[in-house]
Amino acid sequence: MDRPSVTITIKEPEEVKEDTKPERINIDPKNVEKGLAKLVLTLVELIRKLLEKQAMRRVEGGSLSEEEVEKIGEALMNIENKMQELKEIFGVKDEDLNINLGPLGDLM
């Protein structure tokens, strides 16, 4: 998987000249589109998982009618199917759908 790369150079204040312009970041539009798709799909997957867990709690708690259980199940399956379709379109794999939060670890 091609990932966009950015190089950052940290300089001491005395090394920076007043009249120098910052370097431009070279961003390939193809990579930006895929990166944005990956971010959006990661957030949608997180929300889907949260909805699924909430639905399971409500089903196990007995607070839903059989009709509501059916509707929720169908909606969650539709979301999962659409996610698979979008992942194929943008060439994103399941293991790509995560965000590293640094010291907090991975999002999912």
Protein backbone atom coordinates (compact mmCIF):
# COMPACT_ATOMS: atom_id res chain seq x y z
CA MET A 1 0.00 0.00 0.00
CA ASP A 2 1.43 3.37 -1.00
CA ARG A 3 1.31 5.87 1.80
CA PRO A 4 1.88 9.59 1.40
CA SER A 5 5.07 10.69 3.08
CA VAL A 6 6.08 14.01 4.56
CA THR A 7 9.57 14.88 5.74
CA ILE A 8 9.83 17.35 8.60
CA THR A 9 13.12 19.00 9.45
CA ILE A 10 13.41 20.71 12.82
CA LYS A 11 15.91 23.53 12.96
CA GLU A 12 17.18 25.67 15.76
CA PRO A 13 15.85 29.25 15.65
CA GLU A 14 19.27 30.63 14.74
CA GLU A 15 19.41 28.29 11.71
CA VAL A 16 16.25 29.74 10.20
CA LYS A 17 16.73 32.71 7.90
CA GLU A 18 14.02 35.35 7.82
CA ASP A 19 13.82 35.41 4.01
CA THR A 20 13.58 31.65 3.39
CA LYS A 21 10.31 30.12 2.32
CA PRO A 22 9.13 26.85 3.85
CA GLU A 23 9.46 23.72 1.74
CA ARG A 24 6.35 22.67 -0.13
CA ILE A 25 4.72 19.36 0.65
CA ASN A 26 4.37 17.18 -2.42
CA ILE A 27 1.02 15.42 -2.11
CA ASP A 28 -0.19 12.99 -4.74
CA PRO A 29 -3.97 13.45 -5.15
CA LYS A 30 -4.42 9.68 -5.56
CA ASN A 31 -2.86 9.04 -2.14
CA VAL A 32 -4.83 11.84 -0.50
CA GLU A 33 -8.10 10.34 -1.74
CA LYS A 34 -7.19 6.90 -0.42
CA GLY A 35 -6.02 8.35 2.90
CA LEU A 36 -9.24 10.27 3.32
CA ALA A 37 -11.28 7.19 2.40
CA LYS A 38 -9.32 5.18 4.97
CA LEU A 39 -10.01 7.78 7.68
CA VAL A 40 -13.73 8.01 6.89
CA LEU A 41 -14.11 4.22 6.67
CA THR A 42 -12.27 3.84 10.00
CA LEU A 43 -14.69 6.23 11.68
CA VAL A 44 -17.71 4.54 10.09
CA GLU A 45 -16.41 1.13 11.23
CA LEU A 46 -15.94 2.45 14.78
CA ILE A 47 -19.50 3.81 14.82
CA ARG A 48 -20.82 0.54 13.36
CA LYS A 49 -19.11 -1.47 16.10
CA LEU A 50 -20.49 0.85 18.78
CA LEU A 51 -24.02 0.56 17.34
CA GLU A 52 -23.67 -3.21 17.20
CA LYS A 53 -22.60 -3.41 20.86
CA GLN A 54 -25.44 -1.12 21.93
CA ALA A 55 -27.93 -3.18 19.93
CA MET A 56 -26.66 -6.40 21.55
CA ARG A 57 -27.07 -4.88 25.02
CA ARG A 58 -30.62 -3.88 24.21
CA VAL A 59 -31.45 -7.29 22.74
CA GLU A 60 -29.95 -9.11 25.75
CA GLY A 61 -31.75 -6.70 28.09
CA GLY A 62 -35.08 -7.52 26.46
CA SER A 63 -35.96 -3.89 25.71
CA LEU A 64 -36.65 -4.51 22.00
CA SER A 65 -39.56 -6.17 20.26
CA GLU A 66 -38.91 -8.96 17.74
CA GLU A 67 -39.68 -6.51 14.93
CA GLU A 68 -37.12 -4.01 16.26
CA VAL A 69 -34.52 -6.76 16.60
CA GLU A 70 -35.12 -7.72 12.95
CA LYS A 71 -34.83 -4.10 11.78
CA ILE A 72 -31.62 -3.50 13.72
CA GLY A 73 -30.11 -6.75 12.44
CA GLU A 74 -30.98 -5.87 8.86
CA ALA A 75 -29.61 -2.33 9.22
CA LEU A 76 -26.32 -3.58 10.68
CA MET A 77 -25.96 -6.14 7.88
CA ASN A 78 -26.61 -3.43 5.27
CA ILE A 79 -23.95 -1.19 6.83
CA GLU A 80 -21.45 -4.07 6.89
CA ASN A 81 -22.18 -4.93 3.23
CA LYS A 82 -21.76 -1.29 2.17
CA MET A 83 -18.48 -1.11 4.12
CA GLN A 84 -17.17 -4.17 2.24
CA GLU A 85 -18.16 -2.55 -1.06
CA LEU A 86 -16.43 0.73 -0.18
CA LYS A 87 -13.29 -1.05 1.03
CA GLU A 88 -13.07 -2.82 -2.32
CA ILE A 89 -13.59 0.43 -4.25
CA PHE A 90 -10.81 2.24 -2.35
CA GLY A 91 -8.51 -0.77 -1.95
CA VAL A 92 -8.64 -0.68 1.84
CA LYS A 93 -8.22 -3.85 3.90
CA ASP A 94 -9.77 -4.58 7.29
CA GLU A 95 -6.40 -4.27 8.99
CA ASP A 96 -5.99 -0.76 7.50
CA LEU A 97 -9.06 0.47 9.40
CA ASN A 98 -7.42 1.73 12.54
CA ILE A 99 -5.83 4.88 13.87
CA ASN A 100 -2.75 4.88 16.08
CA LEU A 101 -3.38 7.25 18.97
CA GLY A 102 0.23 7.32 20.11
CA PRO A 103 0.62 6.55 23.81
CA LEU A 104 -3.07 5.64 24.04
CA GLY A 105 -2.61 2.79 21.56
CA ASP A 106 -4.78 1.92 18.60
CA LEU A 107 -8.35 3.19 18.24
CA MET A 108 -9.79 -0.27 17.60
